[in-house]
Each structure stands twice: as C-alpha cells, then as structure tokens.
C-alpha cells in the first residue's frame, strides 16, 4: 500500500489560523506607523518650505505666499499639501499646515 505525502485538512486549517492571528496582530501596528510617517513627512516638508521662504525673501525682499513660491519655481505644485493631506500656508513668514 502506497502512502501519499500530503497535508490534511486539519493541518491546513491550523496553518491558516496561525497566519490569520499574525496578521491581526501586525496590521494595527502597520497602520499606526503609517500615520507617524505621514506626520514626520509633513514636518520635513514644512522645513523645506521654510528654507525656500528664506531664499525668496533674500532674493525678492518680501514675504511670499505659497502660490508665489510655486509660480517662481521655488516649490512644485504637489508641495502645497503635506503627505497627511493638510494644506500648507505661510503665516508670519513661517510655513504651517492646516
């Protein structure tokens, strides 16, 4: 009598159960880290915009708006929004996210 080497249904269900438990444990952690990464990305973008504001002020001797920075090539259009979806504004010569 020949025996076939194969997984039983019970073994497959146990493996799927273990994989499901691992996913349920790790997914909330991954989504939380994504939020943190987007917030840090926004802070970095604001820092870049602050340096471009300073450069604009040195060259033009006035405080720019976001649209001025985009029109004069200091920023790209997509840099007017943070990675977390908030828009960027310039208030008192400093970039802030709203």
PDB file of N, CA and C in Angstrom:
ATOM      1  N   UNK A   1       0.847  -1.179   0.000  1.00  0.00           N
ATOM      2  CA  UNK A   1       0.000   0.000   0.000  1.00  0.00           C
ATOM      3  C   UNK A   1       0.888   1.237   0.000  1.00  0.00           C
ATOM      4  N   UNK A   2       0.650   2.112  -0.973  1.00  0.00           N
ATOM      5  CA  UNK A   2       1.424   3.336  -1.078  1.00  0.00           C
ATOM      6  C   UNK A   2       0.734   4.443  -0.287  1.00  0.00           C
ATOM      7  N   UNK A   3       1.567   5.223   0.413  1.00  0.00           N
ATOM      8  CA  UNK A   3       1.001   6.366   1.134  1.00  0.00           C
ATOM      9  C   UNK A   3       1.353   7.637   0.368  1.00  0.00           C
ATOM     10  N   UNK A   4       0.435   8.534   0.343  1.00  0.00           N
ATOM     11  CA  UNK A   4       0.652   9.818  -0.328  1.00  0.00           C
ATOM     12  C   UNK A   4       1.113  10.836   0.703  1.00  0.00           C
ATOM     13  N   UNK A   5       2.140  11.584   0.345  1.00  0.00           N
ATOM     14  CA  UNK A   5       2.612  12.655   1.215  1.00  0.00           C
ATOM     15  C   UNK A   5       1.837  13.925   0.882  1.00  0.00           C
ATOM     16  N   UNK A   6       0.932  14.285   1.743  1.00  0.00           N
ATOM     17  CA  UNK A   6       0.107  15.467   1.533  1.00  0.00           C
ATOM     18  C   UNK A   6      -0.336  16.010   2.882  1.00  0.00           C
ATOM     19  N   UNK A   7      -0.765  17.274   2.862  1.00  0.00           N
ATOM     20  CA  UNK A   7      -1.270  17.889   4.088  1.00  0.00           C
ATOM     21  C   UNK A   7      -2.733  17.510   4.283  1.00  0.00           C
ATOM     22  N   UNK A   8      -3.107  17.301   5.530  1.00  0.00           N
ATOM     23  CA  UNK A   8      -4.506  17.028   5.825  1.00  0.00           C
ATOM     24  C   UNK A   8      -5.252  18.345   5.941  1.00  0.00           C
ATOM     25  N   UNK A   9      -6.536  18.264   5.896  1.00  0.00           N
ATOM     26  CA  UNK A   9      -7.376  19.456   6.026  1.00  0.00           C
ATOM     27  C   UNK A   9      -7.149  20.127   7.377  1.00  0.00           C
ATOM     28  N   UNK A  10      -6.986  19.366   8.422  1.00  0.00           N
ATOM     29  CA  UNK A  10      -6.756  19.906   9.762  1.00  0.00           C
ATOM     30  C   UNK A  10      -5.433  20.672   9.812  1.00  0.00           C
ATOM     31  N   UNK A  11      -4.405  20.136   9.216  1.00  0.00           N
ATOM     32  CA  UNK A  11      -3.109  20.816   9.197  1.00  0.00           C
ATOM     33  C   UNK A  11      -3.205  22.151   8.442  1.00  0.00           C
ATOM     34  N   UNK A  12      -3.894  22.146   7.337  1.00  0.00           N
ATOM     35  CA  UNK A  12      -4.063  23.377   6.558  1.00  0.00           C
ATOM     36  C   UNK A  12      -4.844  24.429   7.349  1.00  0.00           C
ATOM     37  N   UNK A  13      -5.875  24.009   8.060  1.00  0.00           N
ATOM     38  CA  UNK A  13      -6.671  24.947   8.860  1.00  0.00           C
ATOM     39  C   UNK A  13      -5.834  25.534   9.998  1.00  0.00           C
ATOM     40  N   UNK A  14      -4.985  24.734  10.606  1.00  0.00           N
ATOM     41  CA  UNK A  14      -4.131  25.227  11.689  1.00  0.00           C
ATOM     42  C   UNK A  14      -3.148  26.264  11.149  1.00  0.00           C
ATOM     43  N   UNK A  15      -2.550  26.004  10.001  1.00  0.00           N
ATOM     44  CA  UNK A  15      -1.620  26.953   9.397  1.00  0.00           C
ATOM     45  C   UNK A  15      -2.344  28.251   9.048  1.00  0.00           C
ATOM     46  N   UNK A  16      -3.523  28.179   8.457  1.00  0.00           N
ATOM     47  CA  UNK A  16      -4.290  29.380   8.130  1.00  0.00           C
ATOM     48  C   UNK A  16      -4.685  30.157   9.388  1.00  0.00           C
ATOM     49  N   UNK A  17      -5.005  29.454  10.457  1.00  0.00           N
ATOM     50  CA  UNK A  17      -5.346  30.106  11.718  1.00  0.00           C
ATOM     51  C   UNK A  17      -4.145  30.871  12.262  1.00  0.00           C
ATOM     52  N   UNK A  18      -2.978  30.271  12.209  1.00  0.00           N
ATOM     53  CA  UNK A  18      -1.763  30.935  12.697  1.00  0.00           C
ATOM     54  C   UNK A  18      -1.449  32.173  11.853  1.00  0.00           C
ATOM     55  N   UNK A  19      -1.568  32.060  10.548  1.00  0.00           N
ATOM     56  CA  UNK A  19      -1.315  33.206   9.670  1.00  0.00           C
ATOM     57  C   UNK A  19      -2.309  34.325   9.949  1.00  0.00           C
ATOM     58  N   UNK A  20      -3.569  33.982  10.163  1.00  0.00           N
ATOM     59  CA  UNK A  20      -4.600  34.979  10.470  1.00  0.00           C
ATOM     60  C   UNK A  20      -4.293  35.697  11.776  1.00  0.00           C
ATOM     61  N   UNK A  21      -3.873  34.970  12.778  1.00  0.00           N
ATOM     62  CA  UNK A  21      -3.545  35.577  14.075  1.00  0.00           C
ATOM     63  C   UNK A  21      -2.368  36.536  13.925  1.00  0.00           C
ATOM     64  N   UNK A  22      -1.361  36.132  13.172  1.00  0.00           N
ATOM     65  CA  UNK A  22      -0.199  37.002  12.954  1.00  0.00           C
ATOM     66  C   UNK A  22      -0.623  38.283  12.245  1.00  0.00           C
ATOM     67  N   UNK A  23      -1.475  38.180  11.227  1.00  0.00           N
ATOM     68  CA  UNK A  23      -1.952  39.359  10.507  1.00  0.00           C
ATOM     69  C   UNK A  23      -2.765  40.279  11.410  1.00  0.00           C
ATOM     70  N   UNK A  24      -3.612  39.693  12.240  1.00  0.00           N
ATOM     71  CA  UNK A  24      -4.431  40.504  13.143  1.00  0.00           C
ATOM     72  C   UNK A  24      -3.579  41.251  14.167  1.00  0.00           C
ATOM     73  N   UNK A  25      -2.457  40.687  14.524  1.00  0.00           N
ATOM     74  CA  UNK A  25      -1.562  41.344  15.477  1.00  0.00           C
ATOM     75  C   UNK A  25      -0.763  42.456  14.803  1.00  0.00           C
ATOM     76  N   UNK A  26      -0.309  42.232  13.573  1.00  0.00           N
ATOM     77  CA  UNK A  26       0.593  43.190  12.929  1.00  0.00           C
ATOM     78  C   UNK A  26      -0.106  44.323  12.178  1.00  0.00           C
ATOM     79  N   UNK A  27      -1.282  44.124  11.628  1.00  0.00           N
ATOM     80  CA  UNK A  27      -1.942  45.167  10.824  1.00  0.00           C
ATOM     81  C   UNK A  27      -2.213  46.468  11.580  1.00  0.00           C
ATOM     82  N   UNK A  28      -2.740  46.431  12.796  1.00  0.00           N
ATOM     83  CA  UNK A  28      -2.940  47.707  13.505  1.00  0.00           C
ATOM     84  C   UNK A  28      -1.626  48.455  13.732  1.00  0.00           C
ATOM     85  N   UNK A  29      -0.558  47.728  13.980  1.00  0.00           N
ATOM     86  CA  UNK A  29       0.740  48.349  14.188  1.00  0.00           C
ATOM     87  C   UNK A  29       1.232  49.023  12.910  1.00  0.00           C
ATOM     88  N   UNK A  30       1.009  48.398  11.766  1.00  0.00           N
ATOM     89  CA  UNK A  30       1.436  48.963  10.485  1.00  0.00           C
ATOM     90  C   UNK A  30       0.674  50.248  10.180  1.00  0.00           C
ATOM     91  N   UNK A  31      -0.627  50.273  10.405  1.00  0.00           N
ATOM     92  CA  UNK A  31      -1.409  51.481  10.128  1.00  0.00           C
ATOM     93  C   UNK A  31      -1.032  52.619  11.069  1.00  0.00           C
ATOM     94  N   UNK A  32      -0.690  52.287  12.305  1.00  0.00           N
ATOM     95  CA  UNK A  32      -0.248  53.316  13.252  1.00  0.00           C
ATOM     96  C   UNK A  32       1.080  53.908  12.800  1.00  0.00           C
ATOM     97  N   UNK A  33       1.980  53.089  12.323  1.00  0.00           N
ATOM     98  CA  UNK A  33       3.284  53.568  11.849  1.00  0.00           C
ATOM     99  C   UNK A  33       3.117  54.444  10.607  1.00  0.00           C
ATOM    100  N   UNK A  34       2.154  54.128   9.754  1.00  0.00           N
ATOM    101  CA  UNK A  34       1.914  54.927   8.552  1.00  0.00           C
ATOM    102  C   UNK A  34       1.516  56.352   8.930  1.00  0.00           C
ATOM    103  N   UNK A  35       0.687  56.496   9.949  1.00  0.00           N
ATOM    104  CA  UNK A  35       0.273  57.823  10.416  1.00  0.00           C
ATOM    105  C   UNK A  35       1.473  58.605  10.934  1.00  0.00           C
ATOM    106  N   UNK A  36       2.327  57.942  11.688  1.00  0.00           N
ATOM    107  CA  UNK A  36       3.527  58.598  12.223  1.00  0.00           C
ATOM    108  C   UNK A  36       4.443  59.043  11.083  1.00  0.00           C
ATOM    109  N   UNK A  37       4.603  58.184  10.073  1.00  0.00           N
ATOM    110  CA  UNK A  37       5.457  58.505   8.930  1.00  0.00           C
ATOM    111  C   UNK A  37       4.908  59.709   8.175  1.00  0.00           C
ATOM    112  N   UNK A  38       3.592  59.774   7.994  1.00  0.00           N
ATOM    113  CA  UNK A  38       2.997  60.914   7.284  1.00  0.00           C
ATOM    114  C   UNK A  38       3.181  62.218   8.068  1.00  0.00           C
ATOM    115  N   UNK A  39       3.080  62.158   9.386  1.00  0.00           N
ATOM    116  CA  UNK A  39       3.285  63.351  10.213  1.00  0.00           C
ATOM    117  C   UNK A  39       4.738  63.834  10.118  1.00  0.00           C
ATOM    118  N   UNK A  40       5.679  62.909  10.170  1.00  0.00           N
ATOM    119  CA  UNK A  40       7.093  63.290  10.056  1.00  0.00           C
ATOM    120  C   UNK A  40       7.390  63.828   8.664  1.00  0.00           C
ATOM    121  N   UNK A  41       6.756  63.264   7.649  1.00  0.00           N
ATOM    122  CA  UNK A  41       6.921  63.771   6.294  1.00  0.00           C
ATOM    123  C   UNK A  41       6.415  65.192   6.173  1.00  0.00           C
ATOM    124  N   UNK A  42       5.339  65.507   6.865  1.00  0.00           N
ATOM    125  CA  UNK A  42       4.790  66.870   6.844  1.00  0.00           C
ATOM    126  C   UNK A  42       5.764  67.832   7.515  1.00  0.00           C
ATOM    127  N   UNK A  43       6.341  67.427   8.645  1.00  0.00           N
ATOM    128  CA  UNK A  43       7.311  68.294   9.328  1.00  0.00           C
ATOM    129  C   UNK A  43       8.522  68.551   8.438  1.00  0.00           C
ATOM    130  N   UNK A  44       8.971  67.535   7.730  1.00  0.00           N
ATOM    131  CA  UNK A  44      10.113  67.701   6.821  1.00  0.00           C
ATOM    132  C   UNK A  44       9.765  68.646   5.676  1.00  0.00           C
ATOM    133  N   UNK A  45       8.569  68.495   5.124  1.00  0.00           N
ATOM    134  CA  UNK A  45       8.146  69.383   4.038  1.00  0.00           C
ATOM    135  C   UNK A  45       8.075  70.829   4.518  1.00  0.00           C
ATOM    136  N   UNK A  46       7.565  71.044   5.722  1.00  0.00           N
ATOM    137  CA  UNK A  46       7.486  72.403   6.269  1.00  0.00           C
ATOM    138  C   UNK A  46       8.883  72.999   6.436  1.00  0.00           C
ATOM    139  N   UNK A  47       9.833  72.178   6.798  1.00  0.00           N
ATOM    140  CA  UNK A  47      11.211  72.641   6.925  1.00  0.00           C
ATOM    141  C   UNK A  47      11.779  73.058   5.562  1.00  0.00           C
ATOM    142  N   UNK A  48      11.492  72.279   4.529  1.00  0.00           N
ATOM    143  CA  UNK A  48      11.930  72.624   3.169  1.00  0.00           C
ATOM    144  C   UNK A  48      11.284  73.929   2.725  1.00  0.00           C
ATOM    145  N   UNK A  49       9.998  74.070   2.982  1.00  0.00           N
ATOM    146  CA  UNK A  49       9.283  75.285   2.576  1.00  0.00           C
ATOM    147  C   UNK A  49       9.833  76.499   3.329  1.00  0.00           C
ATOM    148  N   UNK A  50      10.152  76.328   4.621  1.00  0.00           N
ATOM    149  CA  UNK A  50      10.747  77.441   5.378  1.00  0.00           C
ATOM    150  C   UNK A  50      12.061  77.896   4.751  1.00  0.00           C
ATOM    151  N   UNK A  51      12.876  76.947   4.298  1.00  0.00           N
ATOM    152  CA  UNK A  51      14.138  77.331   3.667  1.00  0.00           C
ATOM    153  C   UNK A  51      13.887  78.032   2.329  1.00  0.00           C
ATOM    154  N   UNK A  52      12.866  77.628   1.597  1.00  0.00           N
ATOM    155  CA  UNK A  52      12.529  78.288   0.333  1.00  0.00           C
ATOM    156  C   UNK A  52      11.953  79.685   0.580  1.00  0.00           C
ATOM    157  N   UNK A  53      11.216  79.841   1.662  1.00  0.00           N
ATOM    158  CA  UNK A  53      10.711  81.173   2.037  1.00  0.00           C
ATOM    159  C   UNK A  53      11.889  82.102   2.312  1.00  0.00           C
ATOM    160  N   UNK A  54      12.867  81.617   3.057  1.00  0.00           N
ATOM    161  CA  UNK A  54      14.044  82.410   3.371  1.00  0.00           C
ATOM    162  C   UNK A  54      14.799  82.798   2.099  1.00  0.00           C
ATOM    163  N   UNK A  55      14.964  81.854   1.195  1.00  0.00           N
ATOM    164  CA  UNK A  55      15.640  82.133  -0.072  1.00  0.00           C
ATOM    165  C   UNK A  55      14.870  83.182  -0.883  1.00  0.00           C
ATOM    166  N   UNK A  56      13.550  83.045  -0.934  1.00  0.00           N
ATOM    167  CA  UNK A  56      12.704  84.013  -1.646  1.00  0.00           C
ATOM    168  C   UNK A  56      12.845  85.401  -1.022  1.00  0.00           C
ATOM    169  N   UNK A  57      12.834  85.458   0.311  1.00  0.00           N
ATOM    170  CA  UNK A  57      12.959  86.748   0.996  1.00  0.00           C
ATOM    171  C   UNK A  57      14.306  87.400   0.716  1.00  0.00           C
ATOM    172  N   UNK A  58      15.362  86.613   0.649  1.00  0.00           N
ATOM    173  CA  UNK A  58      16.687  87.158   0.359  1.00  0.00           C
ATOM    174  C   UNK A  58      16.723  87.725  -1.053  1.00  0.00           C
ATOM    175  N   UNK A  59      16.129  86.999  -2.007  1.00  0.00           N
ATOM    176  CA  UNK A  59      16.184  87.424  -3.402  1.00  0.00           C
ATOM    177  C   UNK A  59      15.197  88.549  -3.731  1.00  0.00           C
ATOM    178  N   UNK A  60      14.002  88.508  -3.150  1.00  0.00           N
ATOM    179  CA  UNK A  60      12.950  89.463  -3.546  1.00  0.00           C
ATOM    180  C   UNK A  60      12.629  90.509  -2.472  1.00  0.00           C
ATOM    181  N   UNK A  61      13.157  90.317  -1.268  1.00  0.00           N
ATOM    182  CA  UNK A  61      12.944  91.244  -0.151  1.00  0.00           C
ATOM    183  C   UNK A  61      11.463  91.403   0.214  1.00  0.00           C
ATOM    184  N   UNK A  62      10.717  90.320   0.159  1.00  0.00           N
ATOM    185  CA  UNK A  62       9.312  90.316   0.593  1.00  0.00           C
ATOM    186  C   UNK A  62       8.925  88.905   1.019  1.00  0.00           C
ATOM    187  N   UNK A  63       7.873  88.818   1.820  1.00  0.00           N
ATOM    188  CA  UNK A  63       7.381  87.524   2.287  1.00  0.00           C
ATOM    189  C   UNK A  63       6.457  86.941   1.217  1.00  0.00           C
ATOM    190  N   UNK A  64       6.740  85.723   0.751  1.00  0.00           N
ATOM    191  CA  UNK A  64       5.929  85.148  -0.324  1.00  0.00           C
ATOM    192  C   UNK A  64       4.705  84.410   0.201  1.00  0.00           C
ATOM    193  N   UNK A  65       3.796  84.153  -0.721  1.00  0.00           N
ATOM    194  CA  UNK A  65       2.707  83.222  -0.448  1.00  0.00           C
ATOM    195  C   UNK A  65       3.117  81.874  -1.052  1.00  0.00           C
ATOM    196  N   UNK A  66       2.367  80.846  -0.762  1.00  0.00           N
ATOM    197  CA  UNK A  66       2.659  79.526  -1.352  1.00  0.00           C
ATOM    198  C   UNK A  66       2.589  79.626  -2.874  1.00  0.00           C
ATOM    199  N   UNK A  67       1.609  80.357  -3.371  1.00  0.00           N
ATOM    200  CA  UNK A  67       1.460  80.481  -4.821  1.00  0.00           C
ATOM    201  C   UNK A  67       2.641  81.223  -5.450  1.00  0.00           C
ATOM    202  N   UNK A  68       3.187  82.215  -4.739  1.00  0.00           N
ATOM    203  CA  UNK A  68       4.390  82.907  -5.231  1.00  0.00           C
ATOM    204  C   UNK A  68       5.550  81.928  -5.357  1.00  0.00           C
ATOM    205  N   UNK A  69       5.721  81.067  -4.367  1.00  0.00           N
ATOM    206  CA  UNK A  69       6.815  80.092  -4.392  1.00  0.00           C
ATOM    207  C   UNK A  69       6.645  79.102  -5.547  1.00  0.00           C
ATOM    208  N   UNK A  70       5.414  78.707  -5.801  1.00  0.00           N
ATOM    209  CA  UNK A  70       5.148  77.774  -6.901  1.00  0.00           C
ATOM    210  C   UNK A  70       5.366  78.459  -8.245  1.00  0.00           C
ATOM    211  N   UNK A  71       4.824  79.667  -8.390  1.00  0.00           N
ATOM    212  CA  UNK A  71       4.932  80.394  -9.662  1.00  0.00           C
ATOM    213  C   UNK A  71       6.371  80.717 -10.039  1.00  0.00           C
ATOM    214  N   UNK A  72       7.205  81.022  -9.039  1.00  0.00           N
ATOM    215  CA  UNK A  72       8.594  81.392  -9.317  1.00  0.00           C
ATOM    216  C   UNK A  72       9.539  80.188  -9.312  1.00  0.00           C
ATOM    217  N   UNK A  73       9.011  78.977  -9.164  1.00  0.00           N
ATOM    218  CA  UNK A  73       9.827  77.778  -9.270  1.00  0.00           C
ATOM    219  C   UNK A  73      10.545  77.353  -7.998  1.00  0.00           C
ATOM    220  N   UNK A  74      10.193  77.921  -6.867  1.00  0.00           N
ATOM    221  CA  UNK A  74      10.814  77.529  -5.608  1.00  0.00           C
ATOM    222  C   UNK A  74      10.218  76.221  -5.074  1.00  0.00           C
ATOM    223  N   UNK A  75       8.957  75.974  -5.406  1.00  0.00           N
ATOM    224  CA  UNK A  75       8.261  74.752  -4.989  1.00  0.00           C
ATOM    225  C   UNK A  75       7.521  74.158  -6.172  1.00  0.00           C
ATOM    226  N   UNK A  76       7.209  72.873  -6.048  1.00  0.00           N
ATOM    227  CA  UNK A  76       6.348  72.215  -7.028  1.00  0.00           C
ATOM    228  C   UNK A  76       4.910  72.293  -6.540  1.00  0.00           C
ATOM    229  N   UNK A  77       3.982  72.170  -7.453  1.00  0.00           N
ATOM    230  CA  UNK A  77       2.546  72.262  -7.118  1.00  0.00           C
ATOM    231  C   UNK A  77       2.154  71.256  -6.027  1.00  0.00           C
ATOM    232  N   UNK A  78       2.692  70.027  -6.094  1.00  0.00           N
ATOM    233  CA  UNK A  78       2.311  68.993  -5.120  1.00  0.00           C
ATOM    234  C   UNK A  78       2.896  69.256  -3.733  1.00  0.00           C
ATOM    235  N   UNK A  79       3.823  70.195  -3.610  1.00  0.00           N
ATOM    236  CA  UNK A  79       4.383  70.519  -2.300  1.00  0.00           C
ATOM    237  C   UNK A  79       3.504  71.498  -1.520  1.00  0.00           C
ATOM    238  N   UNK A  80       2.381  71.874  -2.079  1.00  0.00           N
ATOM    239  CA  UNK A  80       1.455  72.761  -1.377  1.00  0.00           C
ATOM    240  C   UNK A  80       0.604  71.996  -0.370  1.00  0.00           C
ATOM    241  N   UNK A  81       0.717  70.664  -0.379  1.00  0.00           N
ATOM    242  CA  UNK A  81      -0.008  69.822   0.586  1.00  0.00           C
ATOM    243  C   UNK A  81       0.954  68.864   1.248  1.00  0.00           C
ATOM    244  N   UNK A  82       0.735  68.631   2.525  1.00  0.00           N
ATOM    245  CA  UNK A  82       1.551  67.678   3.274  1.00  0.00           C
ATOM    246  C   UNK A  82       1.161  66.243   2.902  1.00  0.00           C
ATOM    247  N   UNK A  83       2.040  65.279   3.180  1.00  0.00           N
ATOM    248  CA  UNK A  83       1.696  63.877   2.927  1.00  0.00           C
ATOM    249  C   UNK A  83       0.466  63.395   3.705  1.00  0.00           C
ATOM    250  N   UNK A  84       0.160  64.069   4.817  1.00  0.00           N
ATOM    251  CA  UNK A  84      -1.019  63.678   5.599  1.00  0.00           C
ATOM    252  C   UNK A  84      -2.300  64.334   5.093  1.00  0.00           C
ATOM    253  N   UNK A  85      -2.213  65.107   3.993  1.00  0.00           N
ATOM    254  CA  UNK A  85      -3.397  65.688   3.374  1.00  0.00           C
ATOM    255  C   UNK A  85      -3.706  67.115   3.773  1.00  0.00           C
ATOM    256  N   UNK A  86      -3.011  67.646   4.773  1.00  0.00           N
ATOM    257  CA  UNK A  86      -3.260  69.018   5.205  1.00  0.00           C
ATOM    258  C   UNK A  86      -2.611  69.993   4.230  1.00  0.00           C
ATOM    259  N   UNK A  87      -3.253  71.143   4.034  1.00  0.00           N
ATOM    260  CA  UNK A  87      -2.681  72.148   3.136  1.00  0.00           C
ATOM    261  C   UNK A  87      -1.645  72.984   3.889  1.00  0.00           C
ATOM    262  N   UNK A  88      -0.714  73.531   3.143  1.00  0.00           N
ATOM    263  CA  UNK A  88       0.366  74.336   3.720  1.00  0.00           C
ATOM    264  C   UNK A  88       0.051  75.808   3.514  1.00  0.00           C
ATOM    265  N   UNK A  89       0.241  76.596   4.562  1.00  0.00           N
ATOM    266  CA  UNK A  89       0.045  78.037   4.497  1.00  0.00           C
ATOM    267  C   UNK A  89       1.267  78.729   5.078  1.00  0.00           C
ATOM    268  N   UNK A  90       1.472  79.960   4.664  1.00  0.00           N
ATOM    269  CA  UNK A  90       2.566  80.761   5.208  1.00  0.00           C
ATOM    270  C   UNK A  90       1.959  81.820   6.113  1.00  0.00           C
ATOM    271  N   UNK A  91       2.313  81.789   7.398  1.00  0.00           N
ATOM    272  CA  UNK A  91       1.821  82.738   8.367  1.00  0.00           C
ATOM    273  C   UNK A  91       3.022  83.371   9.052  1.00  0.00           C
ATOM    274  N   UNK A  92       3.114  84.688   8.975  1.00  0.00           N
ATOM    275  CA  UNK A  92       4.232  85.449   9.547  1.00  0.00           C
ATOM    276  C   UNK A  92       5.588  84.927   9.065  1.00  0.00           C
ATOM    277  N   UNK A  93       5.674  84.563   7.802  1.00  0.00           N
ATOM    278  CA  UNK A  93       6.935  84.124   7.238  1.00  0.00           C
ATOM    279  C   UNK A  93       7.337  82.700   7.559  1.00  0.00           C
ATOM    280  N   UNK A  94       6.439  81.934   8.166  1.00  0.00           N
ATOM    281  CA  UNK A  94       6.715  80.545   8.522  1.00  0.00           C
ATOM    282  C   UNK A  94       5.656  79.625   7.908  1.00  0.00           C
ATOM    283  N   UNK A  95       6.096  78.477   7.432  1.00  0.00           N
ATOM    284  CA  UNK A  95       5.161  77.512   6.859  1.00  0.00           C
ATOM    285  C   UNK A  95       4.474  76.741   7.980  1.00  0.00           C
ATOM    286  N   UNK A  96       3.158  76.601   7.857  1.00  0.00           N
ATOM    287  CA  UNK A  96       2.365  75.812   8.791  1.00  0.00           C
ATOM    288  C   UNK A  96       1.388  74.957   8.015  1.00  0.00           C
ATOM    289  N   UNK A  97       0.966  73.868   8.627  1.00  0.00           N
ATOM    290  CA  UNK A  97      -0.031  73.006   7.977  1.00  0.00           C
ATOM    291  C   UNK A  97      -1.365  73.212   8.643  1.00  0.00           C
ATOM    292  N   UNK A  98      -2.411  73.249   7.826  1.00  0.00           N
ATOM    293  CA  UNK A  98      -3.776  73.492   8.313  1.00  0.00           C
ATOM    294  C   UNK A  98      -4.650  72.288   8.020  1.00  0.00           C
TER     295      UNK A  98
END
